[in-house]
C-alpha atoms as a PDB file:
ATOM      1  CA  MET A   1      57.986  -6.580 -93.631  1.00  0.00           C
ATOM      2  CA  THR A   2      59.634  -4.207 -92.335  1.00  0.00           C
ATOM      3  CA  VAL A   3      59.211  -0.715 -93.963  1.00  0.00           C
ATOM      4  CA  LEU A   4      61.010   2.739 -92.534  1.00  0.00           C
ATOM      5  CA  THR A   5      58.073   6.193 -92.988  1.00  0.00           C
ATOM      6  CA  ILE A   6      59.286   6.981 -96.196  1.00  0.00           C
ATOM      7  CA  ASP A   7      58.798   3.577 -97.922  1.00  0.00           C
ATOM      8  CA  LEU A   8      55.185   3.105 -96.538  1.00  0.00           C
ATOM      9  CA  ARG A   9      52.623   2.897 -99.276  1.00  0.00           C
ATOM     10  CA  LEU A  10      48.730   3.986 -99.179  1.00  0.00           C
ATOM     11  CA  ALA A  11      46.303   1.565 -97.850  1.00  0.00           C
ATOM     12  CA  ASP A  12      49.246   0.316 -95.869  1.00  0.00           C
ATOM     13  CA  VAL A  13      48.004  -0.842 -92.231  1.00  0.00           C
ATOM     14  CA  VAL A  14      50.481  -0.871 -90.258  1.00  0.00           C
ATOM     15  CA  SER A  15      52.261  -0.571 -86.804  1.00  0.00           C
ATOM     16  CA  GLN A  16      55.179   1.539 -85.458  1.00  0.00           C
ATOM     17  CA  ALA A  17      57.744  -1.242 -85.241  1.00  0.00           C
ATOM     18  CA  SER A  18      60.665  -1.099 -82.000  1.00  0.00           C
ATOM     19  CA  MET A  19      64.805  -0.191 -83.172  1.00  0.00           C
ATOM     20  CA  ARG A  20      64.741  -4.739 -83.266  1.00  0.00           C
ATOM     21  CA  GLY A  21      60.968  -4.580 -85.254  1.00  0.00           C
ATOM     22  CA  HIS A  22      59.339  -5.479 -82.039  1.00  0.00           C
ATOM     23  CA  LEU A  23      55.550  -4.041 -81.943  1.00  0.00           C
ATOM     24  CA  VAL A  24      56.192  -1.011 -79.223  1.00  0.00           C
ATOM     25  CA  ALA A  25      53.743  -0.750 -76.859  1.00  0.00           C
ATOM     26  CA  ASP A  26      53.434   2.971 -76.414  1.00  0.00           C
ATOM     27  CA  ARG A  27      50.256   4.659 -77.385  1.00  0.00           C
ATOM     28  CA  PRO A  28      48.741   6.650 -79.399  1.00  0.00           C
ATOM     29  CA  PHE A  29      50.717   4.316 -82.077  1.00  0.00           C
ATOM     30  CA  SER A  30      48.788   0.976 -82.732  1.00  0.00           C
ATOM     31  CA  THR A  31      47.738  -0.322 -85.675  1.00  0.00           C
ATOM     32  CA  CYS A  32      46.573   1.990 -88.243  1.00  0.00           C
ATOM     33  CA  THR A  33      45.898   2.270 -91.903  1.00  0.00           C
ATOM     34  CA  VAL A  34      47.715   5.007 -94.508  1.00  0.00           C
ATOM     35  CA  ILE A  35      45.063   6.943 -95.397  1.00  0.00           C
ATOM     36  CA  GLN A  36      47.078   9.735 -97.046  1.00  0.00           C
ATOM     37  CA  VAL A  37      50.915  10.239 -99.111  1.00  0.00           C
ATOM     38  CA  GLU A  38      52.134  13.322 -99.765  1.00  0.00           C
ATOM     39  CA  GLU A  39      55.558  14.017-100.972  1.00  0.00           C
ATOM     40  CA  ASP A  40      57.385  14.897 -97.613  1.00  0.00           C
ATOM     41  CA  ARG A  41      54.314  12.842 -95.308  1.00  0.00           C
ATOM     42  CA  VAL A  42      52.222  10.343 -94.631  1.00  0.00           C
ATOM     43  CA  LYS A  43      48.351  10.549 -92.875  1.00  0.00           C
ATOM     44  CA  LEU A  44      47.670   8.103 -90.601  1.00  0.00           C
ATOM     45  CA  PHE A  45      44.743   6.969 -89.420  1.00  0.00           C
ATOM     46  CA  ARG A  46      43.213   4.936 -86.274  1.00  0.00           C
ATOM     47  CA  PRO A  47      40.571   3.997 -84.671  1.00  0.00           C
ATOM     48  CA  TYR A  48      40.736   4.118 -81.026  1.00  0.00           C
ATOM     49  CA  GLY A  49      38.858   2.299 -77.767  1.00  0.00           C
ATOM     50  CA  GLN A  50      39.982   2.508 -74.199  1.00  0.00           C
ATOM     51  CA  THR A  51      37.273   1.504 -71.124  1.00  0.00           C
ATOM     52  CA  ALA A  52      37.829   3.151 -67.699  1.00  0.00           C
ATOM     53  CA  ASP A  53      36.490   0.763 -64.836  1.00  0.00           C
ATOM     54  CA  PHE A  54      35.545   2.733 -61.969  1.00  0.00           C
ATOM     55  CA  SER A  55      34.214  -0.493 -59.556  1.00  0.00           C
ATOM     56  CA  HIS A  56      32.785   2.077 -57.017  1.00  0.00           C
ATOM     57  CA  THR A  57      31.319   3.849 -58.774  1.00  0.00           C
ATOM     58  CA  GLY A  58      29.697   0.331 -60.502  1.00  0.00           C
ATOM     59  CA  GLY A  59      30.275   1.935 -63.795  1.00  0.00           C
ATOM     60  CA  VAL A  60      32.732   1.514 -66.713  1.00  0.00           C
ATOM     61  CA  ILE A  61      33.201   4.559 -68.605  1.00  0.00           C
ATOM     62  CA  PRO A  62      33.350   4.023 -72.905  1.00  0.00           C
ATOM     63  CA  TYR A  63      35.848   6.314 -74.290  1.00  0.00           C
ATOM     64  CA  ILE A  64      35.909   5.566 -78.474  1.00  0.00           C
ATOM     65  CA  GLY A  65      36.748   7.556 -81.372  1.00  0.00           C
ATOM     66  CA  ILE A  66      39.541   8.061 -84.024  1.00  0.00           C
ATOM     67  CA  GLU A  67      43.033   9.675 -84.560  1.00  0.00           C
ATOM     68  CA  GLU A  68      43.763  11.147 -87.938  1.00  0.00           C
ATOM     69  CA  TYR A  69      47.163  11.976 -87.664  1.00  0.00           C
ATOM     70  CA  TRP A  70      50.710  13.175 -89.520  1.00  0.00           C
ATOM     71  CA  VAL A  71      53.680  11.327 -89.549  1.00  0.00           C
ATOM     72  CA  GLU A  72      57.375  13.260 -91.200  1.00  0.00           C
ATOM     73  CA  LYS A  73      59.080  10.809 -94.829  1.00  0.00           C
ATOM     74  CA  SER A  74      61.734  12.344 -92.634  1.00  0.00           C
ATOM     75  CA  SER A  75      61.371  10.873 -89.231  1.00  0.00           C
ATOM     76  CA  SER A  76      63.128   7.099 -88.691  1.00  0.00           C
ATOM     77  CA  MET A  77      59.788   5.149 -87.986  1.00  0.00           C
ATOM     78  CA  ILE A  78      60.104   2.238 -88.292  1.00  0.00           C
ATOM     79  CA  TRP A  79      57.691   0.490 -88.913  1.00  0.00           C
ATOM     80  CA  ASN A  80      55.615  -3.684 -89.097  1.00  0.00           C
ATOM     81  CA  VAL A  81      53.283  -3.966 -92.494  1.00  0.00           C
ATOM     82  CA  TYR A  82      50.155  -6.773 -91.496  1.00  0.00           C
ATOM     83  CA  SER A  83      48.761  -5.495 -94.889  1.00  0.00           C
ATOM     84  CA  ARG A  84      49.813  -4.289 -98.343  1.00  0.00           C
ATOM     85  CA  LYS A  85      47.690  -3.845-101.373  1.00  0.00           C
ATOM     86  CA  GLU A  86      48.297  -2.888-104.814  1.00  0.00           C
ATOM     87  CA  LEU A  87      45.808   0.231-105.486  1.00  0.00           C
ATOM     88  CA  LYS A  88      44.818   0.270-109.308  1.00  0.00           C
END
């Protein structure tokens, strides 16, 4: 399902979509979870992992962390919803 930012709900698992509904490869937007919904904005959470391969040093440095960010409900962003739960 594809929705606008204003239609996101708490606990939705989403990724940003392009205007044609295809996955956007740009970061920092990848699969994330809606963790807070306010009147005018939505807070998203995503864990991430990335590596930088330094072949000349013989090692790999992993970067692991989390990111939380806000998106205004007035935003024209379109989201792919992978999971939507009815919360009680």
